[in-house]
Amino acid sequence: MTQVKLDKAVAEDLITSKMRILQEYINSILKRWNETSTKIFLEKARSGEYENAEEDAVELRQFLLDYSKFQELLNDF
């Protein structure tokens, strides 16, 4: 793996920018389904209460995973 030196402030800015974008994606999925909670949306998608929500549920899970990884990176600074 290649390592690159990066100013801490720049790295934090890049990470928070990416997190902000991920949050916008998450919010757009929740808005599309008129939900306020990712947990409730995923439960309803899994149970079949929301028909045709599978693609959004998969994307949402990935966005949440990515967000969590970036949060860990940010906390490690």
PDB file of N, CA and C in Angstrom:
ATOM      1  N   MET A   1       0.848  -1.169   0.000  1.00  0.00           N
ATOM      2  CA  MET A   1       0.000   0.000   0.000  1.00  0.00           C
ATOM      3  C   MET A   1       0.894   1.232   0.000  1.00  0.00           C
ATOM      4  N   THR A   2       0.500   2.210  -0.769  1.00  0.00           N
ATOM      5  CA  THR A   2       1.226   3.467  -0.853  1.00  0.00           C
ATOM      6  C   THR A   2       0.773   4.389   0.259  1.00  0.00           C
ATOM      7  N   GLN A   3       1.721   5.062   0.882  1.00  0.00           N
ATOM      8  CA  GLN A   3       1.397   6.024   1.922  1.00  0.00           C
ATOM      9  C   GLN A   3       1.717   7.427   1.419  1.00  0.00           C
ATOM     10  N   VAL A   4       0.846   8.342   1.791  1.00  0.00           N
ATOM     11  CA  VAL A   4       1.002   9.732   1.380  1.00  0.00           C
ATOM     12  C   VAL A   4       0.912  10.602   2.625  1.00  0.00           C
ATOM     13  N   LYS A   5       1.799  11.566   2.733  1.00  0.00           N
ATOM     14  CA  LYS A   5       1.718  12.516   3.838  1.00  0.00           C
ATOM     15  C   LYS A   5       0.688  13.576   3.482  1.00  0.00           C
ATOM     16  N   LEU A   6      -0.152  13.875   4.463  1.00  0.00           N
ATOM     17  CA  LEU A   6      -1.235  14.818   4.243  1.00  0.00           C
ATOM     18  C   LEU A   6      -1.421  15.632   5.511  1.00  0.00           C
ATOM     19  N   ASP A   7      -1.572  16.920   5.353  1.00  0.00           N
ATOM     20  CA  ASP A   7      -1.822  17.792   6.488  1.00  0.00           C
ATOM     21  C   ASP A   7      -3.086  17.335   7.210  1.00  0.00           C
ATOM     22  N   LYS A   8      -3.043  17.310   8.525  1.00  0.00           N
ATOM     23  CA  LYS A   8      -4.171  16.838   9.328  1.00  0.00           C
ATOM     24  C   LYS A   8      -5.457  17.608   9.016  1.00  0.00           C
ATOM     25  N   ALA A   9      -5.363  18.913   8.904  1.00  0.00           N
ATOM     26  CA  ALA A   9      -6.550  19.739   8.633  1.00  0.00           C
ATOM     27  C   ALA A   9      -7.155  19.405   7.278  1.00  0.00           C
ATOM     28  N   VAL A  10      -6.308  19.163   6.295  1.00  0.00           N
ATOM     29  CA  VAL A  10      -6.800  18.800   4.954  1.00  0.00           C
ATOM     30  C   VAL A  10      -7.478  17.444   5.006  1.00  0.00           C
ATOM     31  N   ALA A  11      -6.852  16.496   5.695  1.00  0.00           N
ATOM     32  CA  ALA A  11      -7.434  15.160   5.806  1.00  0.00           C
ATOM     33  C   ALA A  11      -8.795  15.221   6.503  1.00  0.00           C
ATOM     34  N   GLU A  12      -8.882  15.963   7.591  1.00  0.00           N
ATOM     35  CA  GLU A  12     -10.150  16.098   8.303  1.00  0.00           C
ATOM     36  C   GLU A  12     -11.215  16.747   7.424  1.00  0.00           C
ATOM     37  N   ASP A  13     -10.813  17.752   6.648  1.00  0.00           N
ATOM     38  CA  ASP A  13     -11.753  18.417   5.751  1.00  0.00           C
ATOM     39  C   ASP A  13     -12.266  17.453   4.680  1.00  0.00           C
ATOM     40  N   LEU A  14     -11.374  16.666   4.114  1.00  0.00           N
ATOM     41  CA  LEU A  14     -11.782  15.693   3.103  1.00  0.00           C
ATOM     42  C   LEU A  14     -12.734  14.653   3.683  1.00  0.00           C
ATOM     43  N   ILE A  15     -12.420  14.163   4.868  1.00  0.00           N
ATOM     44  CA  ILE A  15     -13.264  13.150   5.506  1.00  0.00           C
ATOM     45  C   ILE A  15     -14.631  13.720   5.842  1.00  0.00           C
ATOM     46  N   THR A  16     -14.676  14.919   6.429  1.00  0.00           N
ATOM     47  CA  THR A  16     -15.979  15.501   6.782  1.00  0.00           C
ATOM     48  C   THR A  16     -16.793  15.843   5.543  1.00  0.00           C
ATOM     49  N   SER A  17     -16.121  16.232   4.463  1.00  0.00           N
ATOM     50  CA  SER A  17     -16.840  16.497   3.210  1.00  0.00           C
ATOM     51  C   SER A  17     -17.480  15.220   2.679  1.00  0.00           C
ATOM     52  N   LYS A  18     -16.734  14.138   2.706  1.00  0.00           N
ATOM     53  CA  LYS A  18     -17.265  12.851   2.251  1.00  0.00           C
ATOM     54  C   LYS A  18     -18.421  12.407   3.145  1.00  0.00           C
ATOM     55  N   MET A  19     -18.290  12.607   4.442  1.00  0.00           N
ATOM     56  CA  MET A  19     -19.365  12.242   5.369  1.00  0.00           C
ATOM     57  C   MET A  19     -20.627  13.070   5.107  1.00  0.00           C
ATOM     58  N   ARG A  20     -20.434  14.330   4.785  1.00  0.00           N
ATOM     59  CA  ARG A  20     -21.572  15.212   4.489  1.00  0.00           C
ATOM     60  C   ARG A  20     -22.308  14.716   3.231  1.00  0.00           C
ATOM     61  N   ILE A  21     -21.551  14.313   2.228  1.00  0.00           N
ATOM     62  CA  ILE A  21     -22.146  13.786   0.997  1.00  0.00           C
ATOM     63  C   ILE A  21     -22.903  12.488   1.275  1.00  0.00           C
ATOM     64  N   LEU A  22     -22.290  11.609   2.068  1.00  0.00           N
ATOM     65  CA  LEU A  22     -22.962  10.356   2.422  1.00  0.00           C
ATOM     66  C   LEU A  22     -24.252  10.633   3.183  1.00  0.00           C
ATOM     67  N   GLN A  23     -24.225  11.611   4.092  1.00  0.00           N
ATOM     68  CA  GLN A  23     -25.429  11.951   4.844  1.00  0.00           C
ATOM     69  C   GLN A  23     -26.527  12.466   3.918  1.00  0.00           C
ATOM     70  N   GLU A  24     -26.154  13.214   2.900  1.00  0.00           N
ATOM     71  CA  GLU A  24     -27.138  13.679   1.920  1.00  0.00           C
ATOM     72  C   GLU A  24     -27.760  12.505   1.170  1.00  0.00           C
ATOM     73  N   TYR A  25     -26.949  11.519   0.795  1.00  0.00           N
ATOM     74  CA  TYR A  25     -27.473  10.325   0.127  1.00  0.00           C
ATOM     75  C   TYR A  25     -28.424   9.568   1.050  1.00  0.00           C
ATOM     76  N   ILE A  26     -28.028   9.428   2.304  1.00  0.00           N
ATOM     77  CA  ILE A  26     -28.871   8.735   3.279  1.00  0.00           C
ATOM     78  C   ILE A  26     -30.195   9.473   3.436  1.00  0.00           C
ATOM     79  N   ASN A  27     -30.124  10.788   3.594  1.00  0.00           N
ATOM     80  CA  ASN A  27     -31.346  11.585   3.758  1.00  0.00           C
ATOM     81  C   ASN A  27     -32.246  11.514   2.527  1.00  0.00           C
ATOM     82  N   SER A  28     -31.656  11.452   1.346  1.00  0.00           N
ATOM     83  CA  SER A  28     -32.487  11.386   0.140  1.00  0.00           C
ATOM     84  C   SER A  28     -33.249  10.072   0.066  1.00  0.00           C
ATOM     85  N   ILE A  29     -32.635   8.984   0.499  1.00  0.00           N
ATOM     86  CA  ILE A  29     -33.338   7.695   0.523  1.00  0.00           C
ATOM     87  C   ILE A  29     -34.465   7.744   1.543  1.00  0.00           C
ATOM     88  N   LEU A  30     -34.183   8.251   2.723  1.00  0.00           N
ATOM     89  CA  LEU A  30     -35.219   8.338   3.754  1.00  0.00           C
ATOM     90  C   LEU A  30     -36.369   9.239   3.308  1.00  0.00           C
ATOM     91  N   LYS A  31     -36.040  10.339   2.665  1.00  0.00           N
ATOM     92  CA  LYS A  31     -37.079  11.253   2.181  1.00  0.00           C
ATOM     93  C   LYS A  31     -37.944  10.575   1.116  1.00  0.00           C
ATOM     94  N   ARG A  32     -37.309   9.821   0.222  1.00  0.00           N
ATOM     95  CA  ARG A  32     -38.039   9.121  -0.835  1.00  0.00           C
ATOM     96  C   ARG A  32     -39.101   8.190  -0.254  1.00  0.00           C
ATOM     97  N   TRP A  33     -38.803   7.598   0.901  1.00  0.00           N
ATOM     98  CA  TRP A  33     -39.716   6.646   1.532  1.00  0.00           C
ATOM     99  C   TRP A  33     -40.468   7.265   2.706  1.00  0.00           C
ATOM    100  N   ASN A  34     -40.329   8.569   2.868  1.00  0.00           N
ATOM    101  CA  ASN A  34     -41.021   9.298   3.935  1.00  0.00           C
ATOM    102  C   ASN A  34     -40.722   8.702   5.313  1.00  0.00           C
ATOM    103  N   GLU A  35     -39.438   8.450   5.559  1.00  0.00           N
ATOM    104  CA  GLU A  35     -38.984   7.899   6.834  1.00  0.00           C
ATOM    105  C   GLU A  35     -37.982   8.866   7.462  1.00  0.00           C
ATOM    106  N   THR A  36     -37.837   8.778   8.777  1.00  0.00           N
ATOM    107  CA  THR A  36     -36.853   9.598   9.474  1.00  0.00           C
ATOM    108  C   THR A  36     -35.758   8.753  10.118  1.00  0.00           C
ATOM    109  N   SER A  37     -35.949   7.450  10.148  1.00  0.00           N
ATOM    110  CA  SER A  37     -35.006   6.555  10.801  1.00  0.00           C
ATOM    111  C   SER A  37     -34.491   5.503   9.819  1.00  0.00           C
ATOM    112  N   THR A  38     -33.173   5.365   9.767  1.00  0.00           N
ATOM    113  CA  THR A  38     -32.597   4.337   8.886  1.00  0.00           C
ATOM    114  C   THR A  38     -32.980   2.953   9.376  1.00  0.00           C
ATOM    115  N   LYS A  39     -32.989   2.765  10.684  1.00  0.00           N
ATOM    116  CA  LYS A  39     -33.321   1.460  11.259  1.00  0.00           C
ATOM    117  C   LYS A  39     -34.744   1.038  10.883  1.00  0.00           C
ATOM    118  N   ILE A  40     -35.685   1.951  11.016  1.00  0.00           N
ATOM    119  CA  ILE A  40     -37.078   1.637  10.688  1.00  0.00           C
ATOM    120  C   ILE A  40     -37.222   1.365   9.197  1.00  0.00           C
ATOM    121  N   PHE A  41     -36.570   2.187   8.365  1.00  0.00           N
ATOM    122  CA  PHE A  41     -36.643   1.957   6.918  1.00  0.00           C
ATOM    123  C   PHE A  41     -36.120   0.570   6.565  1.00  0.00           C
ATOM    124  N   LEU A  42     -34.958   0.213   7.122  1.00  0.00           N
ATOM    125  CA  LEU A  42     -34.375  -1.090   6.804  1.00  0.00           C
ATOM    126  C   LEU A  42     -35.258  -2.237   7.292  1.00  0.00           C
ATOM    127  N   GLU A  43     -35.884  -2.081   8.440  1.00  0.00           N
ATOM    128  CA  GLU A  43     -36.797  -3.105   8.946  1.00  0.00           C
ATOM    129  C   GLU A  43     -38.005  -3.267   8.023  1.00  0.00           C
ATOM    130  N   LYS A  44     -38.570  -2.140   7.587  1.00  0.00           N
ATOM    131  CA  LYS A  44     -39.737  -2.194   6.703  1.00  0.00           C
ATOM    132  C   LYS A  44     -39.366  -2.757   5.330  1.00  0.00           C
ATOM    133  N   ALA A  45     -38.191  -2.427   4.842  1.00  0.00           N
ATOM    134  CA  ALA A  45     -37.739  -2.959   3.559  1.00  0.00           C
ATOM    135  C   ALA A  45     -37.515  -4.458   3.667  1.00  0.00           C
ATOM    136  N   ARG A  46     -36.921  -4.894   4.761  1.00  0.00           N
ATOM    137  CA  ARG A  46     -36.628  -6.311   4.969  1.00  0.00           C
ATOM    138  C   ARG A  46     -37.916  -7.132   5.116  1.00  0.00           C
ATOM    139  N   SER A  47     -38.905  -6.566   5.799  1.00  0.00           N
ATOM    140  CA  SER A  47     -40.154  -7.295   6.044  1.00  0.00           C
ATOM    141  C   SER A  47     -41.074  -7.319   4.824  1.00  0.00           C
ATOM    142  N   GLY A  48     -40.751  -6.505   3.824  1.00  0.00           N
ATOM    143  CA  GLY A  48     -41.587  -6.448   2.630  1.00  0.00           C
ATOM    144  C   GLY A  48     -42.675  -5.406   2.703  1.00  0.00           C
ATOM    145  N   GLU A  49     -42.697  -4.646   3.789  1.00  0.00           N
ATOM    146  CA  GLU A  49     -43.705  -3.591   3.927  1.00  0.00           C
ATOM    147  C   GLU A  49     -43.544  -2.553   2.824  1.00  0.00           C
ATOM    148  N   TYR A  50     -42.291  -2.310   2.448  1.00  0.00           N
ATOM    149  CA  TYR A  50     -42.020  -1.418   1.322  1.00  0.00           C
ATOM    150  C   TYR A  50     -41.658  -2.280   0.117  1.00  0.00           C
ATOM    151  N   GLU A  51     -42.550  -2.321  -0.843  1.00  0.00           N
ATOM    152  CA  GLU A  51     -42.261  -3.055  -2.071  1.00  0.00           C
ATOM    153  C   GLU A  51     -41.237  -2.266  -2.880  1.00  0.00           C
ATOM    154  N   ASN A  52     -40.380  -2.963  -3.561  1.00  0.00           N
ATOM    155  CA  ASN A  52     -39.365  -2.359  -4.433  1.00  0.00           C
ATOM    156  C   ASN A  52     -38.368  -1.480  -3.685  1.00  0.00           C
ATOM    157  N   ALA A  53     -38.135  -1.764  -2.420  1.00  0.00           N
ATOM    158  CA  ALA A  53     -37.186  -0.973  -1.637  1.00  0.00           C
ATOM    159  C   ALA A  53     -35.829  -1.659  -1.527  1.00  0.00           C
ATOM    160  N   GLU A  54     -35.686  -2.812  -2.141  1.00  0.00           N
ATOM    161  CA  GLU A  54     -34.454  -3.589  -1.976  1.00  0.00           C
ATOM    162  C   GLU A  54     -33.208  -2.813  -2.410  1.00  0.00           C
ATOM    163  N   GLU A  55     -33.261  -2.181  -3.568  1.00  0.00           N
ATOM    164  CA  GLU A  55     -32.095  -1.445  -4.059  1.00  0.00           C
ATOM    165  C   GLU A  55     -31.726  -0.303  -3.123  1.00  0.00           C
ATOM    166  N   ASP A  56     -32.733   0.438  -2.676  1.00  0.00           N
ATOM    167  CA  ASP A  56     -32.470   1.534  -1.745  1.00  0.00           C
ATOM    168  C   ASP A  56     -31.933   1.004  -0.415  1.00  0.00           C
ATOM    169  N   ALA A  57     -32.436  -0.128   0.033  1.00  0.00           N
ATOM    170  CA  ALA A  57     -31.964  -0.704   1.295  1.00  0.00           C
ATOM    171  C   ALA A  57     -30.502  -1.128   1.189  1.00  0.00           C
ATOM    172  N   VAL A  58     -30.136  -1.721   0.064  1.00  0.00           N
ATOM    173  CA  VAL A  58     -28.738  -2.130  -0.140  1.00  0.00           C
ATOM    174  C   VAL A  58     -27.836  -0.899  -0.175  1.00  0.00           C
ATOM    175  N   GLU A  59     -28.252   0.114  -0.923  1.00  0.00           N
ATOM    176  CA  GLU A  59     -27.463   1.351  -0.988  1.00  0.00           C
ATOM    177  C   GLU A  59     -27.340   1.994   0.390  1.00  0.00           C
ATOM    178  N   LEU A  60     -28.444   2.031   1.114  1.00  0.00           N
ATOM    179  CA  LEU A  60     -28.437   2.649   2.438  1.00  0.00           C
ATOM    180  C   LEU A  60     -27.479   1.921   3.367  1.00  0.00           C
ATOM    181  N   ARG A  61     -27.508   0.603   3.356  1.00  0.00           N
ATOM    182  CA  ARG A  61     -26.579  -0.165   4.195  1.00  0.00           C
ATOM    183  C   ARG A  61     -25.128   0.182   3.857  1.00  0.00           C
ATOM    184  N   GLN A  62     -24.831   0.290   2.570  1.00  0.00           N
ATOM    185  CA  GLN A  62     -23.469   0.609   2.162  1.00  0.00           C
ATOM    186  C   GLN A  62     -23.088   2.028   2.580  1.00  0.00           C
ATOM    187  N   PHE A  63     -24.014   2.974   2.408  1.00  0.00           N
ATOM    188  CA  PHE A  63     -23.740   4.350   2.836  1.00  0.00           C
ATOM    189  C   PHE A  63     -23.479   4.409   4.342  1.00  0.00           C
ATOM    190  N   LEU A  64     -24.258   3.665   5.113  1.00  0.00           N
ATOM    191  CA  LEU A  64     -24.075   3.646   6.561  1.00  0.00           C
ATOM    192  C   LEU A  64     -22.735   3.026   6.945  1.00  0.00           C
ATOM    193  N   LEU A  65     -22.355   1.977   6.250  1.00  0.00           N
ATOM    194  CA  LEU A  65     -21.060   1.346   6.493  1.00  0.00           C
ATOM    195  C   LEU A  65     -19.922   2.303   6.161  1.00  0.00           C
ATOM    196  N   ASP A  66     -20.009   2.948   5.008  1.00  0.00           N
ATOM    197  CA  ASP A  66     -18.987   3.916   4.613  1.00  0.00           C
ATOM    198  C   ASP A  66     -18.917   5.071   5.608  1.00  0.00           C
ATOM    199  N   TYR A  67     -20.067   5.570   6.017  1.00  0.00           N
ATOM    200  CA  TYR A  67     -20.111   6.671   6.979  1.00  0.00           C
ATOM    201  C   TYR A  67     -19.421   6.267   8.279  1.00  0.00           C
ATOM    202  N   SER A  68     -19.697   5.068   8.720  1.00  0.00           N
ATOM    203  CA  SER A  68     -19.092   4.556   9.945  1.00  0.00           C
ATOM    204  C   SER A  68     -17.570   4.463   9.823  1.00  0.00           C
ATOM    205  N   LYS A  69     -17.092   4.001   8.676  1.00  0.00           N
ATOM    206  CA  LYS A  69     -15.645   3.902   8.449  1.00  0.00           C
ATOM    207  C   LYS A  69     -14.996   5.289   8.478  1.00  0.00           C
ATOM    208  N   PHE A  70     -15.633   6.263   7.850  1.00  0.00           N
ATOM    209  CA  PHE A  70     -15.093   7.620   7.861  1.00  0.00           C
ATOM    210  C   PHE A  70     -15.134   8.217   9.260  1.00  0.00           C
ATOM    211  N   GLN A  71     -16.171   7.886  10.015  1.00  0.00           N
ATOM    212  CA  GLN A  71     -16.266   8.379  11.403  1.00  0.00           C
ATOM    213  C   GLN A  71     -15.108   7.830  12.225  1.00  0.00           C
ATOM    214  N   GLU A  72     -14.792   6.560  12.027  1.00  0.00           N
ATOM    215  CA  GLU A  72     -13.655   5.954  12.735  1.00  0.00           C
ATOM    216  C   GLU A  72     -12.354   6.635  12.351  1.00  0.00           C
ATOM    217  N   LEU A  73     -12.178   6.906  11.058  1.00  0.00           N
ATOM    218  CA  LEU A  73     -10.971   7.605  10.604  1.00  0.00           C
ATOM    219  C   LEU A  73     -10.849   8.966  11.277  1.00  0.00           C
ATOM    220  N   LEU A  74     -11.961   9.680  11.300  1.00  0.00           N
ATOM    221  CA  LEU A  74     -11.964  11.013  11.884  1.00  0.00           C
ATOM    222  C   LEU A  74     -11.647  10.957  13.374  1.00  0.00           C
ATOM    223  N   ASN A  75     -12.170   9.956  14.045  1.00  0.00           N
ATOM    224  CA  ASN A  75     -11.922   9.810  15.483  1.00  0.00           C
ATOM    225  C   ASN A  75     -10.482   9.429  15.785  1.00  0.00           C
ATOM    226  N   ASP A  76      -9.807   8.810  14.828  1.00  0.00           N
ATOM    227  CA  ASP A  76      -8.416   8.395  15.017  1.00  0.00           C
ATOM    228  C   ASP A  76      -7.424   9.554  14.914  1.00  0.00           C
ATOM    229  N   PHE A  77      -7.871  10.697  14.430  1.00  0.00           N
ATOM    230  CA  PHE A  77      -6.970  11.853  14.304  1.00  0.00           C
ATOM    231  C   PHE A  77      -6.705  12.469  15.647  1.00  0.00           C
TER     232      PHE A  77
END
